[in-house]
């Protein structure tokens, strides 16, 4: 996007807009991006790539994940934004199907080029003889961001229902969500049943999403109340980790008996209380800082391409590692965890940022699809798109798109085809549908 257009957009911001919402969204994604890049402890020795994980190599970093696992902040922001958006649509008598279609287009259209690129790249590489195990690892790493997208799309799709619960039950809806999340974990962990645990992708994240409604409605006004919320979250997380089966790390570790993020556990719900209370306690200061033109313009710029940054940052890392490996490993010869490795992390970030910026320049336009002025579709259509797209995205996040038997092309095709359904022509009614914002 042109910088002058960003400055104009920033200057035209209504006085009523809560700028802190945009800042927290951008900050959360930046922390995720830098965290993913930091955790990749890779080294090339004798022409062979050795893949390590910072959290496995340095257990002292596990408590730091209570700060750097920031997905709860994104769901907090999502609750505020979705609550505001649905209430606006409801007031203008925009039907649910029209509202959901608009949200899906904003969230799912940017993922289409990512899936197509990986489908073509994996197919060509597999045909050229690249080992399936290598391609599976590469695609699985690159498509990690899609797990969050799938969870967020589902939570958005049920936002009218969760907002209805909030408006009638208030804080009881949040307490109930946490209790239900505990029950899901009790059954899932007790019976060692992963399928049951998957329910918490919706239960826990929808509960954190409710905190955004509380913020929107002024039910979290005052520093004291916000710090009290953080205190409840801290006590909850500490109690679950100390007395329960949950690990300290809020980011998943391969081979762990219990993983806090795969599937999502109730620990992340209490972490959401902790993080929401702390960041909202800073809201008055952040709001004042965002009145500065440069600070707000930078926030606007990041938000205009936030999805592209999130979706492509790991593909950029896989590309850089792959090219370095083909060239004999330049830049990847430093042993992880050594002082030299830590000293070179800024250079590592800079190289990955440069490649990611290239992807953003090429593909960022998919983040701003044309406004759809057609009448609202039948309700089943966006609901079907939600189910199909999230199913495909969830599988790819867990498994990549390559198995021992070759490229599993049907998962990306399913997702892309479901997004294409959003463009199906809809028969016009006598009254034109209200515009979706």
Protein backbone atom coordinates (compact mmCIF):
# COMPACT_ATOMS: atom_id res chain seq x y z
CA UNK A 1 0.00 0.00 0.00
CA UNK A 2 1.22 3.50 -0.84
CA UNK A 3 2.58 5.33 2.22
CA UNK A 4 0.73 8.50 1.34
CA UNK A 5 -2.50 6.50 1.27
CA UNK A 6 -1.65 5.14 4.73
CA UNK A 7 -1.07 8.66 6.05
CA UNK A 8 -4.39 9.79 4.56
CA UNK A 9 -6.14 6.81 6.11
CA UNK A 10 -4.56 7.54 9.47
CA UNK A 11 -5.52 11.22 9.28
CA UNK A 12 -9.12 10.30 8.46
CA UNK A 13 -9.52 8.10 11.55
CA UNK A 14 -12.75 8.97 13.42
CA UNK A 15 -12.26 10.33 16.90
CA UNK A 16 -14.52 7.58 18.25
CA UNK A 17 -12.24 4.74 17.10
CA UNK A 18 -10.45 2.83 19.83
CA UNK A 19 -6.93 2.89 18.44
CA UNK A 20 -5.61 0.58 21.13
CA UNK A 21 -7.56 -2.28 19.48
CA UNK A 22 -5.53 -1.85 16.30
CA UNK A 23 -2.27 -1.52 18.19
CA UNK A 24 -2.80 -4.69 20.20
CA UNK A 25 -3.71 -6.61 17.04
CA UNK A 26 -0.52 -5.51 15.29
CA UNK A 27 1.66 -6.01 18.35
CA UNK A 28 0.33 -9.54 18.94
CA UNK A 29 1.09 -10.61 15.38
CA UNK A 30 4.56 -9.06 15.48
CA UNK A 31 5.36 -10.98 18.68
CA UNK A 32 4.15 -14.21 17.03
CA UNK A 33 6.29 -13.60 13.94
CA UNK A 34 9.48 -12.75 15.84
CA UNK A 35 8.84 -15.61 18.27
CA UNK A 36 8.49 -18.17 15.48
CA UNK A 37 11.69 -16.93 13.87
CA UNK A 38 13.55 -17.07 17.20
CA UNK A 39 12.41 -20.58 18.12
CA UNK A 40 13.86 -22.04 14.92
CA UNK A 41 17.26 -23.27 16.14
CA UNK A 42 18.61 -24.66 12.86
CA UNK A 43 22.20 -25.36 11.91
CA UNK A 44 23.92 -26.90 8.87
CA UNK A 45 26.75 -29.36 9.67
CA UNK A 46 28.62 -31.20 6.94
CA UNK A 47 25.95 -30.23 4.45
CA UNK A 48 23.14 -31.67 6.59
CA UNK A 49 20.37 -29.61 8.16
CA UNK A 50 19.79 -30.15 11.88
CA UNK A 51 16.49 -28.80 13.16
CA UNK A 52 16.17 -27.76 16.78
CA UNK A 53 13.60 -25.89 18.84
CA UNK A 54 14.54 -23.14 21.27
CA UNK A 55 12.07 -24.31 23.92
CA UNK A 56 13.54 -27.83 23.84
CA UNK A 57 17.15 -26.66 23.89
CA UNK A 58 16.65 -24.02 26.59
CA UNK A 59 14.08 -25.05 29.25
CA UNK A 60 14.71 -21.77 31.08
CA UNK A 61 12.67 -20.07 28.33
CA UNK A 62 9.46 -21.89 29.27
CA UNK A 63 8.19 -19.28 31.78
CA UNK A 64 8.76 -16.60 29.13
CA UNK A 65 6.00 -18.17 27.05
CA UNK A 66 3.51 -16.71 29.54
CA UNK A 67 4.40 -13.40 27.92
CA UNK A 68 5.12 -14.43 24.35
CA UNK A 69 2.16 -16.77 23.79
CA UNK A 70 0.01 -13.83 22.71
CA UNK A 71 -2.83 -15.54 20.87
CA UNK A 72 -5.14 -14.68 23.81
CA UNK A 73 -4.54 -10.99 23.09
CA UNK A 74 -5.63 -11.48 19.49
CA UNK A 75 -8.86 -13.15 20.58
CA UNK A 76 -9.45 -10.35 23.09
CA UNK A 77 -9.12 -7.84 20.25
CA UNK A 78 -11.29 -10.04 18.05
CA UNK A 79 -14.07 -10.00 20.61
CA UNK A 80 -14.05 -6.21 20.73
CA UNK A 81 -14.01 -5.88 16.92
CA UNK A 82 -16.57 -8.61 16.21
CA UNK A 83 -18.93 -7.36 18.89
CA UNK A 84 -18.80 -3.86 17.44
CA UNK A 85 -19.21 -5.15 13.88
CA UNK A 86 -22.17 -7.46 14.62
CA UNK A 87 -24.00 -4.82 16.62
CA UNK A 88 -23.56 -2.37 13.75
CA UNK A 89 -24.85 -4.95 11.27
CA UNK A 90 -27.76 -5.82 13.54
CA UNK A 91 -28.73 -2.16 13.89
CA UNK A 92 -28.71 -1.78 10.10
CA UNK A 93 -30.69 -5.02 9.70
CA UNK A 94 -27.88 -6.76 7.85
CA UNK A 95 -28.63 -10.51 7.96
CA UNK A 96 -26.22 -12.92 9.59
CA UNK A 97 -25.33 -14.55 6.27
CA UNK A 98 -24.29 -11.24 4.72
CA UNK A 99 -22.27 -10.27 7.78
CA UNK A 100 -20.50 -13.64 7.96
CA UNK A 101 -19.73 -13.63 4.23
CA UNK A 102 -17.98 -10.28 4.61
CA UNK A 103 -15.93 -11.54 7.58
CA UNK A 104 -14.99 -14.74 5.75
CA UNK A 105 -13.81 -12.84 2.68
CA UNK A 106 -11.56 -10.66 4.83
CA UNK A 107 -10.09 -13.67 6.65
CA UNK A 108 -9.97 -16.43 4.03
CA UNK A 109 -9.17 -14.74 0.71
CA UNK A 110 -5.56 -13.94 1.80
CA UNK A 111 -4.87 -17.63 2.51
CA UNK A 112 -5.73 -18.73 -1.05
CA UNK A 113 -2.40 -17.72 -2.66
CA UNK A 114 -0.48 -19.34 0.21
CA UNK A 115 -2.20 -22.68 -0.34
CA UNK A 116 -1.85 -22.55 -4.12
CA UNK A 117 1.85 -21.71 -3.92
CA UNK A 118 2.51 -24.58 -1.54
CA UNK A 119 0.41 -26.99 -3.58
CA UNK A 120 2.39 -26.21 -6.75
CA UNK A 121 5.77 -26.09 -4.98
CA UNK A 122 5.23 -29.37 -3.14
CA UNK A 123 3.97 -31.12 -6.28
CA UNK A 124 6.92 -29.96 -8.40
CA UNK A 125 9.47 -30.76 -5.69
CA UNK A 126 7.98 -34.21 -5.10
CA UNK A 127 8.06 -34.96 -8.81
CA UNK A 128 11.70 -33.83 -8.89
CA UNK A 129 12.61 -36.38 -6.25
CA UNK A 130 12.75 -34.33 -3.06
CA UNK A 131 12.11 -36.75 -0.16
CA UNK A 132 8.52 -36.75 1.08
CA UNK A 133 9.69 -36.42 4.70
CA UNK A 134 11.53 -33.19 3.84
CA UNK A 135 8.53 -31.76 2.04
CA UNK A 136 6.20 -32.78 4.84
CA UNK A 137 8.32 -30.97 7.42
CA UNK A 138 8.69 -27.88 5.26
CA UNK A 139 4.99 -27.62 4.45
CA UNK A 140 3.97 -28.36 8.03
CA UNK A 141 6.20 -25.57 9.35
CA UNK A 142 5.05 -23.10 6.69
CA UNK A 143 1.37 -23.81 7.29
CA UNK A 144 1.45 -23.60 11.08
CA UNK A 145 -0.34 -20.20 10.95
CA UNK A 146 -3.43 -21.85 9.51
CA UNK A 147 -4.35 -23.53 12.83
CA UNK A 148 -4.97 -20.16 14.41
CA UNK A 149 -6.84 -18.90 11.38
CA UNK A 150 -9.16 -21.91 11.47
CA UNK A 151 -9.90 -21.41 15.18
CA UNK A 152 -10.46 -17.69 14.74
CA UNK A 153 -12.81 -18.14 11.78
CA UNK A 154 -14.98 -20.54 13.80
CA UNK A 155 -15.09 -18.13 16.75
CA UNK A 156 -16.05 -15.31 14.38
CA UNK A 157 -18.80 -17.43 12.85
CA UNK A 158 -20.42 -18.01 16.26
CA UNK A 159 -19.85 -14.41 17.46
CA UNK A 160 -23.55 -13.45 17.23
CA UNK A 161 -24.38 -16.38 19.53
CA UNK A 162 -21.59 -15.67 22.01
CA UNK A 163 -22.51 -11.98 22.04
CA UNK A 164 -26.10 -13.00 22.79
CA UNK A 165 -24.82 -15.03 25.75
CA UNK A 166 -22.73 -12.10 26.98
CA UNK A 167 -25.63 -9.66 26.75
CA UNK A 168 -27.81 -11.96 28.85
CA UNK A 169 -25.37 -13.65 31.23
CA UNK A 170 -22.48 -11.21 31.45
CA UNK A 171 -19.52 -12.53 33.43
CA UNK A 172 -21.32 -15.81 34.03
CA UNK A 173 -20.74 -16.63 30.36
CA UNK A 174 -16.98 -16.32 30.92
CA UNK A 175 -16.99 -18.32 34.15
CA UNK A 176 -19.12 -20.96 32.45
CA UNK A 177 -16.74 -21.11 29.50
CA UNK A 178 -13.75 -21.68 31.77
CA UNK A 179 -15.59 -24.39 33.70
CA UNK A 180 -16.58 -26.09 30.45
CA UNK A 181 -12.96 -25.87 29.29
CA UNK A 182 -11.87 -27.57 32.53
CA UNK A 183 -14.42 -30.33 31.95
CA UNK A 184 -13.20 -30.89 28.39
CA UNK A 185 -9.62 -31.18 29.65
CA UNK A 186 -10.66 -33.50 32.46
CA UNK A 187 -12.20 -35.93 29.98
CA UNK A 188 -9.57 -35.46 27.27
CA UNK A 189 -6.51 -35.80 29.50
CA UNK A 190 -8.05 -38.39 31.82
CA UNK A 191 -9.07 -40.66 28.96
CA UNK A 192 -6.10 -39.67 26.77
CA UNK A 193 -8.56 -38.72 24.02
CA UNK A 194 -7.27 -36.06 21.67
CA UNK A 195 -10.57 -35.74 19.79
CA UNK A 196 -12.42 -34.55 22.90
CA UNK A 197 -9.67 -32.03 23.60
CA UNK A 198 -10.18 -30.44 20.18
CA UNK A 199 -13.45 -28.96 21.49
CA UNK A 200 -11.40 -26.48 23.49
CA UNK A 201 -10.24 -24.80 20.29
CA UNK A 202 -13.73 -23.34 20.32
CA UNK A 203 -14.61 -23.36 24.03
CA UNK A 204 -11.43 -21.72 25.35
CA UNK A 205 -10.89 -19.23 22.53
CA UNK A 206 -14.56 -18.23 22.49
CA UNK A 207 -14.30 -17.59 26.23
CA UNK A 208 -11.29 -15.31 25.76
CA UNK A 209 -13.23 -13.68 22.91
CA UNK A 210 -15.94 -12.86 25.49
CA UNK A 211 -13.42 -10.66 27.30
CA UNK A 212 -13.47 -8.42 24.24
CA UNK A 213 -17.20 -7.90 24.76
CA UNK A 214 -16.55 -6.96 28.39
CA UNK A 215 -13.97 -4.43 27.21
CA UNK A 216 -16.35 -3.06 24.57
CA UNK A 217 -19.18 -2.63 27.08
CA UNK A 218 -17.09 -0.91 29.72
CA UNK A 219 -17.36 -3.84 32.12
CA UNK A 220 -13.57 -3.73 32.54
CA UNK A 221 -13.31 -0.02 33.24
CA UNK A 222 -10.72 1.11 35.76
CA UNK A 223 -7.16 -0.01 36.42
CA UNK A 224 -8.14 -1.78 39.64
CA UNK A 225 -10.67 -4.01 37.94
CA UNK A 226 -8.24 -4.83 35.15
CA UNK A 227 -5.45 -5.74 37.55
CA UNK A 228 -7.91 -7.87 39.52
CA UNK A 229 -8.73 -9.75 36.31
CA UNK A 230 -5.01 -10.27 35.72
CA UNK A 231 -4.68 -11.55 39.28
CA UNK A 232 -7.43 -14.13 38.78
CA UNK A 233 -5.74 -15.28 35.59
CA UNK A 234 -2.33 -15.56 37.27
CA UNK A 235 -3.71 -17.58 40.17
CA UNK A 236 -5.55 -19.84 37.73
CA UNK A 237 -2.52 -20.54 35.54
CA UNK A 238 -0.18 -21.08 38.51
CA UNK A 239 -2.67 -23.45 40.17
CA UNK A 240 -3.21 -25.49 37.01
CA UNK A 241 0.51 -25.82 36.32
CA UNK A 242 1.44 -26.52 39.96
CA UNK A 243 -1.36 -28.93 40.86
CA UNK A 244 -2.41 -30.23 37.46
CA UNK A 245 -0.80 -32.09 34.57
CA UNK A 246 -0.07 -28.95 32.55
CA UNK A 247 3.50 -27.96 31.58
CA UNK A 248 4.98 -24.54 32.26
CA UNK A 249 5.38 -23.76 28.57
CA UNK A 250 2.27 -22.20 27.07
CA UNK A 251 3.64 -23.04 23.62
CA UNK A 252 3.41 -26.66 22.58
CA UNK A 253 6.37 -29.02 22.78
CA UNK A 254 6.68 -32.18 20.71
CA UNK A 255 6.62 -35.27 22.85
CA UNK A 256 5.16 -33.59 25.94
CA UNK A 257 2.64 -35.72 27.86
CA UNK A 258 0.25 -32.74 27.90
CA UNK A 259 0.47 -29.88 25.45
CA UNK A 260 -1.03 -26.49 26.33
CA UNK A 261 -1.67 -25.48 22.72
CA UNK A 262 -2.35 -28.74 20.85
CA UNK A 263 -5.13 -29.06 21.54
CA UNK A 264 -5.86 -25.76 23.27
CA UNK A 265 -6.12 -26.29 27.03
CA UNK A 266 -7.97 -24.31 29.68
CA UNK A 267 -4.59 -22.94 30.83
CA UNK A 268 -4.71 -20.62 27.83
CA UNK A 269 -8.11 -19.39 28.95
CA UNK A 270 -6.69 -18.29 32.30
CA UNK A 271 -3.64 -16.91 30.51
CA UNK A 272 -6.13 -14.83 28.53
CA UNK A 273 -7.48 -13.34 31.77
CA UNK A 274 -3.93 -12.53 32.88
CA UNK A 275 -2.85 -10.95 29.60
CA UNK A 276 -6.13 -9.08 29.06
CA UNK A 277 -5.93 -7.52 32.50
CA UNK A 278 -2.33 -6.42 32.03
CA UNK A 279 -2.59 -4.96 28.54
CA UNK A 280 -5.86 -3.18 29.31
CA UNK A 281 -4.28 -1.65 32.41
CA UNK A 282 -1.94 0.09 29.94
CA UNK A 283 -4.79 1.29 27.71
CA UNK A 284 -4.86 4.95 28.89
CA UNK A 285 -1.14 5.36 28.26
CA UNK A 286 -1.32 3.54 24.92
CA UNK A 287 -4.29 5.64 23.80
CA UNK A 288 -2.36 8.83 24.54
CA UNK A 289 0.72 7.58 22.67
CA UNK A 290 -1.38 6.64 19.63
CA UNK A 291 -2.46 10.27 19.24
CA UNK A 292 1.00 10.88 17.81
CA UNK A 293 0.76 10.87 14.01
CA UNK A 294 3.80 8.64 13.45
CA UNK A 295 2.75 6.05 16.01
CA UNK A 296 -0.77 5.83 14.62
CA UNK A 297 0.40 5.80 10.97
CA UNK A 298 2.75 2.89 11.74
CA UNK A 299 -0.11 1.04 13.43
CA UNK A 300 -2.38 1.63 10.44
CA UNK A 301 0.34 0.46 8.04
CA UNK A 302 0.83 -2.79 9.94
CA UNK A 303 -2.88 -3.49 10.10
CA UNK A 304 -3.36 -3.02 6.37
CA UNK A 305 -1.09 -6.04 5.74
CA UNK A 306 -1.32 -7.92 9.01
CA UNK A 307 -2.80 -11.11 7.56
CA UNK A 308 -0.19 -11.33 4.80
CA UNK A 309 2.61 -10.88 7.34
CA UNK A 310 1.15 -13.59 9.56
CA UNK A 311 0.43 -16.10 6.80
CA UNK A 312 3.73 -15.80 4.93
CA UNK A 313 6.38 -15.28 7.62
CA UNK A 314 7.09 -19.00 8.05
CA UNK A 315 7.12 -19.62 4.31
CA UNK A 316 9.80 -16.93 4.15
CA UNK A 317 11.79 -18.82 6.81
CA UNK A 318 11.47 -22.14 4.98
CA UNK A 319 12.59 -20.45 1.76
CA UNK A 320 15.66 -18.87 3.38
CA UNK A 321 16.66 -22.15 5.02
CA UNK A 322 16.14 -24.07 1.78
CA UNK A 323 18.22 -21.67 -0.31
CA UNK A 324 21.00 -21.63 2.30
CA UNK A 325 21.06 -25.43 2.39
CA UNK A 326 21.34 -25.60 -1.41
CA UNK A 327 24.28 -23.19 -1.26
CA UNK A 328 26.08 -25.19 1.40
CA UNK A 329 24.66 -23.54 4.51
CA UNK A 330 25.88 -19.91 4.52
CA UNK A 331 24.47 -18.10 7.55
CA UNK A 332 23.38 -21.33 9.22
CA UNK A 333 26.71 -22.56 10.55
CA UNK A 334 26.46 -21.11 14.04
CA UNK A 335 25.69 -23.59 16.80
CA UNK A 336 22.37 -22.75 18.48
CA UNK A 337 22.37 -21.39 22.04
CA UNK A 338 25.97 -20.20 21.84
CA UNK A 339 26.79 -16.50 22.43
CA UNK A 340 27.49 -16.14 18.70
CA UNK A 341 24.07 -17.57 17.87
CA UNK A 342 22.28 -15.10 20.13
CA UNK A 343 24.36 -12.23 18.73
CA UNK A 344 23.34 -13.10 15.16
CA UNK A 345 19.59 -13.29 15.85
CA UNK A 346 19.00 -9.66 14.76
CA UNK A 347 20.66 -10.48 11.41
CA UNK A 348 18.51 -13.61 11.12
CA UNK A 349 15.38 -11.55 11.78
CA UNK A 350 16.46 -8.92 9.26
CA UNK A 351 17.02 -11.50 6.50
CA UNK A 352 13.63 -13.12 7.12
CA UNK A 353 11.92 -9.75 7.34
CA UNK A 354 13.33 -8.77 3.95
CA UNK A 355 11.97 -11.90 2.29
CA UNK A 356 8.63 -11.50 4.06
CA UNK A 357 8.38 -7.90 2.84
CA UNK A 358 8.78 -9.24 -0.69
CA UNK A 359 5.82 -11.55 -0.17
CA UNK A 360 3.80 -8.68 1.28
CA UNK A 361 4.60 -6.46 -1.72
CA UNK A 362 3.48 -9.18 -4.13
CA UNK A 363 0.49 -10.60 -2.31
CA UNK A 364 -0.73 -7.97 0.13
CA UNK A 365 -3.46 -6.84 -2.25
CA UNK A 366 -5.39 -10.05 -1.49
CA UNK A 367 -5.97 -8.63 1.97
CA UNK A 368 -8.30 -5.97 0.61
CA UNK A 369 -10.85 -7.80 -1.58
CA UNK A 370 -13.40 -5.75 -3.46
CA UNK A 371 -16.51 -4.85 -1.55
CA UNK A 372 -19.30 -7.32 -2.27
CA UNK A 373 -22.49 -5.38 -2.96
CA UNK A 374 -24.57 -8.43 -3.86
CA UNK A 375 -27.54 -9.51 -1.72
CA UNK A 376 -26.88 -11.70 1.29
CA UNK A 377 -26.59 -15.40 0.41
CA UNK A 378 -28.66 -18.13 2.03
CA UNK A 379 -27.38 -18.83 5.53
CA UNK A 380 -26.19 -22.33 4.70
CA UNK A 381 -23.61 -21.03 2.23
CA UNK A 382 -21.23 -19.11 4.54
CA UNK A 383 -21.77 -21.74 7.23
CA UNK A 384 -20.74 -24.48 4.78
CA UNK A 385 -17.70 -22.41 3.76
CA UNK A 386 -16.73 -22.07 7.42
CA UNK A 387 -16.93 -25.82 8.02
CA UNK A 388 -15.07 -26.85 4.85
CA UNK A 389 -12.38 -24.18 4.98
CA UNK A 390 -11.63 -24.65 8.67
CA UNK A 391 -11.54 -28.41 8.29
CA UNK A 392 -8.98 -28.16 5.51
CA UNK A 393 -6.91 -25.53 7.30
CA UNK A 394 -6.89 -27.48 10.54
CA UNK A 395 -5.67 -30.65 8.87
CA UNK A 396 -2.92 -28.85 6.97
CA UNK A 397 -1.72 -27.08 10.11
CA UNK A 398 -1.32 -30.44 11.83
CA UNK A 399 -0.04 -32.56 8.95
CA UNK A 400 1.24 -30.31 6.18
CA UNK A 401 0.19 -31.23 2.67
CA UNK A 402 2.64 -34.05 2.00
CA UNK A 403 2.46 -37.61 3.32
CA UNK A 404 4.53 -40.72 2.76
CA UNK A 405 2.32 -41.50 -0.22
CA UNK A 406 2.76 -38.12 -1.92
CA UNK A 407 1.09 -34.73 -2.02
CA UNK A 408 -2.33 -34.57 -0.34
CA UNK A 409 -3.66 -32.07 -2.84
CA UNK A 410 -7.29 -32.44 -1.79
CA UNK A 411 -6.89 -30.45 1.47
CA UNK A 412 -5.69 -27.18 -0.08
CA UNK A 413 -8.08 -27.66 -3.00
CA UNK A 414 -10.98 -28.16 -0.57
CA UNK A 415 -10.13 -24.94 1.23
CA UNK A 416 -9.63 -22.89 -1.94
CA UNK A 417 -12.84 -24.27 -3.47
CA UNK A 418 -14.81 -23.43 -0.33
CA UNK A 419 -13.54 -19.83 -0.46
CA UNK A 420 -14.59 -19.69 -4.11
CA UNK A 421 -18.14 -20.54 -3.01
CA UNK A 422 -18.33 -17.08 -1.44
CA UNK A 423 -18.45 -15.65 -4.96
CA UNK A 424 -21.44 -17.68 -6.08
CA UNK A 425 -24.05 -15.38 -7.63
CA UNK A 426 -27.02 -14.69 -5.37
CA UNK A 427 -30.47 -13.93 -6.72
CA UNK A 428 -31.29 -10.31 -6.04
CA UNK A 429 -34.25 -9.54 -3.84
CA UNK A 430 -36.60 -6.61 -4.20
CA UNK A 431 -34.69 -4.69 -1.53
CA UNK A 432 -30.97 -4.20 -1.84
CA UNK A 433 -28.97 -5.54 1.08
CA UNK A 434 -27.41 -2.97 3.38
CA UNK A 435 -23.70 -2.40 2.91
CA UNK A 436 -21.44 -4.53 5.12
CA UNK A 437 -18.64 -2.63 6.85
